[in-house]
N, C-alpha and C. Protein backbone atom coordinates (compact mmCIF):
# COMPACT_ATOMS: atom_id res chain seq x y z
N MET A 1 13.86 11.90 -7.39
CA MET A 1 12.54 12.02 -8.00
C MET A 1 11.75 10.72 -7.85
N ARG A 2 12.42 9.60 -8.12
CA ARG A 2 11.75 8.32 -8.00
C ARG A 2 11.28 8.10 -6.56
N MET A 3 12.11 8.51 -5.59
CA MET A 3 11.75 8.36 -4.18
C MET A 3 10.46 9.12 -3.88
N ALA A 4 10.32 10.30 -4.43
CA ALA A 4 9.12 11.10 -4.19
C ALA A 4 7.89 10.40 -4.77
N ILE A 5 8.04 9.78 -5.92
CA ILE A 5 6.92 9.07 -6.54
C ILE A 5 6.53 7.86 -5.71
N VAL A 6 7.52 7.08 -5.30
CA VAL A 6 7.25 5.90 -4.49
C VAL A 6 6.62 6.30 -3.16
N THR A 7 7.18 7.30 -2.52
CA THR A 7 6.64 7.77 -1.25
C THR A 7 5.21 8.27 -1.43
N GLY A 8 4.97 8.96 -2.53
CA GLY A 8 3.63 9.44 -2.82
C GLY A 8 2.64 8.30 -3.01
N ALA A 9 3.09 7.25 -3.67
CA ALA A 9 2.21 6.10 -3.88
C ALA A 9 1.88 5.42 -2.56
N LEU A 10 2.88 5.30 -1.69
CA LEU A 10 2.62 4.72 -0.38
C LEU A 10 1.66 5.60 0.40
N ALA A 11 1.86 6.90 0.31
CA ALA A 11 0.96 7.82 1.01
C ALA A 11 -0.46 7.72 0.45
N LEU A 12 -0.57 7.56 -0.88
CA LEU A 12 -1.88 7.39 -1.49
C LEU A 12 -2.55 6.13 -0.96
N ALA A 13 -1.79 5.07 -0.87
CA ALA A 13 -2.35 3.83 -0.34
C ALA A 13 -2.82 4.02 1.09
N LEU A 14 -2.04 4.73 1.87
CA LEU A 14 -2.45 4.99 3.25
C LEU A 14 -3.66 5.91 3.29
N ALA A 15 -3.66 6.90 2.43
CA ALA A 15 -4.75 7.87 2.44
C ALA A 15 -6.03 7.28 1.86
N ALA A 16 -5.90 6.39 0.93
CA ALA A 16 -7.08 5.82 0.32
C ALA A 16 -7.48 4.49 0.96
N CYS A 17 -6.58 3.69 1.95
CA CYS A 17 -6.55 2.28 2.50
C CYS A 17 -7.87 1.55 2.63
N GLY A 18 -7.74 -3.85 4.60
CA GLY A 18 -7.61 -4.82 5.39
C GLY A 18 -7.00 -5.78 4.87
N GLY A 19 -2.35 -8.95 1.51
CA GLY A 19 -2.81 -9.60 2.18
C GLY A 19 -2.96 -10.88 2.67
N THR A 20 -2.43 -11.01 3.38
CA THR A 20 -2.37 -12.38 3.86
C THR A 20 -2.22 -12.32 5.36
N GLY A 21 -3.25 -12.73 6.08
CA GLY A 21 -3.21 -12.82 7.53
C GLY A 21 -2.69 -11.59 8.22
N GLY A 22 -1.56 -11.77 8.92
CA GLY A 22 -0.97 -10.70 9.71
C GLY A 22 -0.55 -9.50 8.89
N ALA A 23 -0.10 -9.73 7.66
CA ALA A 23 0.31 -8.62 6.80
C ALA A 23 -0.87 -7.71 6.49
N LYS A 24 -1.99 -8.31 6.21
CA LYS A 24 -3.18 -7.52 5.90
C LYS A 24 -3.63 -6.71 7.11
N ALA A 25 -3.63 -7.34 8.26
CA ALA A 25 -4.02 -6.64 9.49
C ALA A 25 -3.06 -5.51 9.81
N SER A 26 -1.77 -5.74 9.59
CA SER A 26 -0.79 -4.68 9.88
C SER A 26 -0.92 -3.53 8.89
N MET A 27 -1.29 -3.85 7.65
CA MET A 27 -1.51 -2.81 6.65
C MET A 27 -2.69 -1.93 7.05
N VAL A 28 -3.78 -2.56 7.46
CA VAL A 28 -4.96 -1.81 7.87
C VAL A 28 -4.63 -0.97 9.10
N LYS A 29 -3.90 -1.53 10.05
CA LYS A 29 -3.54 -0.79 11.26
C LYS A 29 -2.68 0.42 10.92
N ALA A 30 -1.68 0.24 10.05
CA ALA A 30 -0.82 1.36 9.66
C ALA A 30 -1.66 2.46 9.02
N CYS A 31 -2.61 2.08 8.23
CA CYS A 31 -3.48 3.03 7.55
C CYS A 31 -4.38 3.77 8.55
N THR A 32 -5.04 3.02 9.43
CA THR A 32 -5.91 3.67 10.41
C THR A 32 -5.11 4.51 11.40
N ASP A 33 -3.90 4.05 11.76
CA ASP A 33 -3.03 4.84 12.63
C ASP A 33 -2.65 6.17 11.98
N ALA A 34 -2.65 6.19 10.64
CA ALA A 34 -2.35 7.42 9.91
C ALA A 34 -3.58 8.35 9.84
N GLY A 35 -4.70 7.88 10.44
CA GLY A 35 -5.87 8.75 10.53
C GLY A 35 -6.97 8.49 9.52
N GLU A 36 -6.83 7.44 8.75
CA GLU A 36 -7.85 7.14 7.74
C GLU A 36 -8.95 6.26 8.32
N GLU A 37 -10.08 6.24 7.65
CA GLU A 37 -11.23 5.46 8.10
C GLU A 37 -10.99 3.97 7.86
N GLN A 38 -11.51 3.16 8.76
CA GLN A 38 -11.36 1.71 8.69
C GLN A 38 -11.82 1.15 7.34
N ALA A 39 -12.98 1.59 6.87
CA ALA A 39 -13.53 1.06 5.61
C ALA A 39 -12.60 1.33 4.44
N MET A 40 -12.04 2.53 4.38
CA MET A 40 -11.13 2.88 3.29
C MET A 40 -9.85 2.05 3.38
N CYS A 41 -9.33 1.90 4.59
CA CYS A 41 -8.11 1.12 4.79
C CYS A 41 -8.31 -0.33 4.41
N THR A 42 -9.46 -0.87 4.77
CA THR A 42 -9.77 -2.25 4.43
C THR A 42 -9.91 -2.42 2.93
N CYS A 43 -10.53 -1.47 2.28
CA CYS A 43 -10.69 -1.52 0.83
C CYS A 43 -9.32 -1.56 0.14
N ILE A 44 -8.42 -0.70 0.56
CA ILE A 44 -7.09 -0.67 -0.05
C ILE A 44 -6.36 -1.98 0.19
N ALA A 45 -6.37 -2.45 1.42
CA ALA A 45 -5.67 -3.70 1.73
C ALA A 45 -6.26 -4.87 0.95
N ASP A 46 -7.58 -4.93 0.87
CA ASP A 46 -8.23 -6.01 0.10
C ASP A 46 -7.82 -5.93 -1.37
N GLY A 47 -7.84 -4.74 -1.92
CA GLY A 47 -7.48 -4.56 -3.33
C GLY A 47 -6.03 -4.91 -3.61
N LEU A 48 -5.14 -4.49 -2.73
CA LEU A 48 -3.72 -4.82 -2.93
C LEU A 48 -3.50 -6.32 -2.80
N GLU A 49 -4.20 -6.94 -1.88
CA GLU A 49 -4.07 -8.39 -1.70
C GLU A 49 -4.49 -9.12 -2.98
N LYS A 50 -5.54 -8.64 -3.63
CA LYS A 50 -6.03 -9.27 -4.86
C LYS A 50 -5.12 -9.00 -6.06
N ASN A 51 -4.45 -7.86 -6.07
CA ASN A 51 -3.68 -7.44 -7.24
C ASN A 51 -2.19 -7.74 -7.17
N LEU A 52 -1.70 -8.12 -6.01
CA LEU A 52 -0.27 -8.41 -5.86
C LEU A 52 -0.08 -9.85 -5.42
N ASP A 53 1.05 -10.44 -5.83
CA ASP A 53 1.36 -11.78 -5.32
C ASP A 53 1.69 -11.66 -3.82
N ALA A 54 1.66 -12.78 -3.11
CA ALA A 54 1.81 -12.77 -1.65
C ALA A 54 3.12 -12.13 -1.21
N LYS A 55 4.22 -12.43 -1.90
CA LYS A 55 5.52 -11.87 -1.51
C LYS A 55 5.52 -10.35 -1.64
N THR A 56 5.02 -9.86 -2.75
CA THR A 56 4.99 -8.42 -2.97
C THR A 56 4.03 -7.74 -2.00
N PHE A 57 2.89 -8.36 -1.76
CA PHE A 57 1.93 -7.81 -0.80
C PHE A 57 2.58 -7.67 0.58
N ASN A 58 3.28 -8.70 1.01
CA ASN A 58 3.95 -8.66 2.31
C ASN A 58 5.01 -7.56 2.35
N THR A 59 5.72 -7.36 1.24
CA THR A 59 6.72 -6.30 1.16
C THR A 59 6.06 -4.94 1.34
N VAL A 60 4.94 -4.73 0.68
CA VAL A 60 4.21 -3.46 0.79
C VAL A 60 3.69 -3.27 2.22
N ALA A 61 3.15 -4.32 2.81
CA ALA A 61 2.64 -4.23 4.18
C ALA A 61 3.75 -3.83 5.15
N LYS A 62 4.92 -4.45 5.01
CA LYS A 62 6.06 -4.12 5.87
C LYS A 62 6.49 -2.67 5.66
N ALA A 63 6.49 -2.23 4.41
CA ALA A 63 6.88 -0.85 4.12
C ALA A 63 5.89 0.13 4.76
N MET A 64 4.61 -0.19 4.70
CA MET A 64 3.61 0.68 5.30
C MET A 64 3.77 0.74 6.82
N GLU A 65 4.11 -0.38 7.42
CA GLU A 65 4.34 -0.42 8.87
C GLU A 65 5.52 0.47 9.27
N GLN A 66 6.53 0.55 8.40
CA GLN A 66 7.75 1.31 8.70
C GLN A 66 7.55 2.81 8.62
N GLY A 67 6.48 3.25 8.02
CA GLY A 67 6.24 4.67 7.88
C GLY A 67 6.71 5.19 6.54
N GLU A 68 6.37 6.42 6.29
CA GLU A 68 6.60 7.00 4.96
C GLU A 68 8.07 7.01 4.55
N GLN A 69 8.95 7.48 5.41
CA GLN A 69 10.35 7.62 5.03
C GLN A 69 11.04 6.26 4.88
N GLU A 70 10.99 5.43 5.91
CA GLU A 70 11.64 4.12 5.86
C GLU A 70 10.95 3.20 4.86
N GLY A 71 9.65 3.23 4.83
CA GLY A 71 8.90 2.40 3.89
C GLY A 71 9.18 2.77 2.45
N GLY A 72 9.24 4.06 2.20
CA GLY A 72 9.57 4.53 0.85
C GLY A 72 10.96 4.08 0.43
N ALA A 73 11.90 4.12 1.35
CA ALA A 73 13.26 3.68 1.05
C ALA A 73 13.29 2.19 0.77
N ALA A 74 12.50 1.41 1.51
CA ALA A 74 12.45 -0.03 1.29
C ALA A 74 11.90 -0.36 -0.09
N ILE A 75 10.87 0.35 -0.50
CA ILE A 75 10.28 0.13 -1.83
C ILE A 75 11.26 0.58 -2.91
N GLU A 76 11.92 1.70 -2.69
CA GLU A 76 12.86 2.21 -3.69
C GLU A 76 14.04 1.26 -3.89
N ALA A 77 14.37 0.48 -2.89
CA ALA A 77 15.48 -0.47 -2.98
C ALA A 77 15.13 -1.68 -3.85
N LEU A 78 13.87 -1.87 -4.15
CA LEU A 78 13.45 -3.00 -4.98
C LEU A 78 13.80 -2.76 -6.44
N PRO A 79 13.89 -3.82 -7.24
CA PRO A 79 14.11 -3.65 -8.68
C PRO A 79 13.00 -2.81 -9.31
N ALA A 80 13.33 -2.10 -10.37
CA ALA A 80 12.37 -1.21 -11.03
C ALA A 80 11.10 -1.94 -11.44
N GLU A 81 11.22 -3.16 -11.91
CA GLU A 81 10.04 -3.93 -12.33
C GLU A 81 9.09 -4.16 -11.15
N GLU A 82 9.65 -4.47 -10.00
CA GLU A 82 8.84 -4.69 -8.80
C GLU A 82 8.18 -3.38 -8.35
N GLN A 83 8.93 -2.29 -8.42
CA GLN A 83 8.37 -0.98 -8.05
C GLN A 83 7.21 -0.63 -8.96
N ALA A 84 7.36 -0.89 -10.24
CA ALA A 84 6.30 -0.58 -11.21
C ALA A 84 5.04 -1.39 -10.92
N LYS A 85 5.22 -2.66 -10.57
CA LYS A 85 4.08 -3.51 -10.23
C LYS A 85 3.35 -2.96 -9.01
N ILE A 86 4.09 -2.56 -8.00
CA ILE A 86 3.50 -2.02 -6.77
C ILE A 86 2.79 -0.70 -7.06
N MET A 87 3.46 0.18 -7.79
CA MET A 87 2.88 1.48 -8.11
C MET A 87 1.56 1.33 -8.89
N GLY A 88 1.57 0.44 -9.88
CA GLY A 88 0.37 0.23 -10.68
C GLY A 88 -0.80 -0.26 -9.83
N ALA A 89 -0.51 -1.22 -8.96
CA ALA A 89 -1.56 -1.75 -8.08
C ALA A 89 -2.07 -0.68 -7.12
N MET A 90 -1.15 0.08 -6.55
CA MET A 90 -1.55 1.12 -5.59
C MET A 90 -2.41 2.19 -6.25
N MET A 91 -2.03 2.59 -7.44
CA MET A 91 -2.80 3.64 -8.12
C MET A 91 -4.19 3.13 -8.49
N SER A 92 -4.25 1.93 -9.02
CA SER A 92 -5.53 1.36 -9.42
C SER A 92 -6.45 1.15 -8.22
N VAL A 93 -5.92 0.53 -7.18
CA VAL A 93 -6.72 0.26 -5.98
C VAL A 93 -7.10 1.55 -5.28
N GLY A 94 -6.17 2.49 -5.19
CA GLY A 94 -6.45 3.76 -4.55
C GLY A 94 -7.60 4.50 -5.22
N MET A 95 -7.58 4.52 -6.55
CA MET A 95 -8.66 5.19 -7.28
C MET A 95 -9.99 4.47 -7.09
N THR A 96 -9.95 3.15 -7.15
CA THR A 96 -11.17 2.38 -6.98
C THR A 96 -11.79 2.64 -5.61
N CYS A 97 -10.97 2.57 -4.58
CA CYS A 97 -11.48 2.76 -3.22
C CYS A 97 -11.93 4.21 -2.98
N ALA A 98 -11.21 5.15 -3.55
CA ALA A 98 -11.56 6.56 -3.38
C ALA A 98 -12.94 6.87 -3.97
N PHE A 99 -13.31 6.11 -5.01
CA PHE A 99 -14.61 6.34 -5.64
C PHE A 99 -15.67 5.34 -5.20
N GLY A 100 -15.44 4.72 -4.03
CA GLY A 100 -16.47 3.92 -3.40
C GLY A 100 -16.60 2.48 -3.85
N GLY A 101 -15.68 1.98 -4.62
CA GLY A 101 -15.78 0.59 -5.04
C GLY A 101 -14.67 -0.25 -4.49
N GLU A 102 -14.75 -1.54 -4.72
CA GLU A 102 -13.67 -2.44 -4.32
C GLU A 102 -13.18 -3.23 -5.46
């Protein structure tokens, strides 16, 4: 069940999606490769970069690069506290970007 929630959050981030250097660019690329618009992907990446510390942001970027199944497994392997931090940021940023804000 937890895997489905984590995978769903990653999918939301991809569906709603420009952090630190290469990580941010790879996050945006993973999002646009999934078929989402550049502006939405950039909004999500910018929001996650602002809401997560650099280490956690890089972890999320790597998970997004790996795709839904492998990325979800990587996030699920993290401690529950870290997963909660990621989920909270993804939900908040996803909603903000979906409704046209940053």
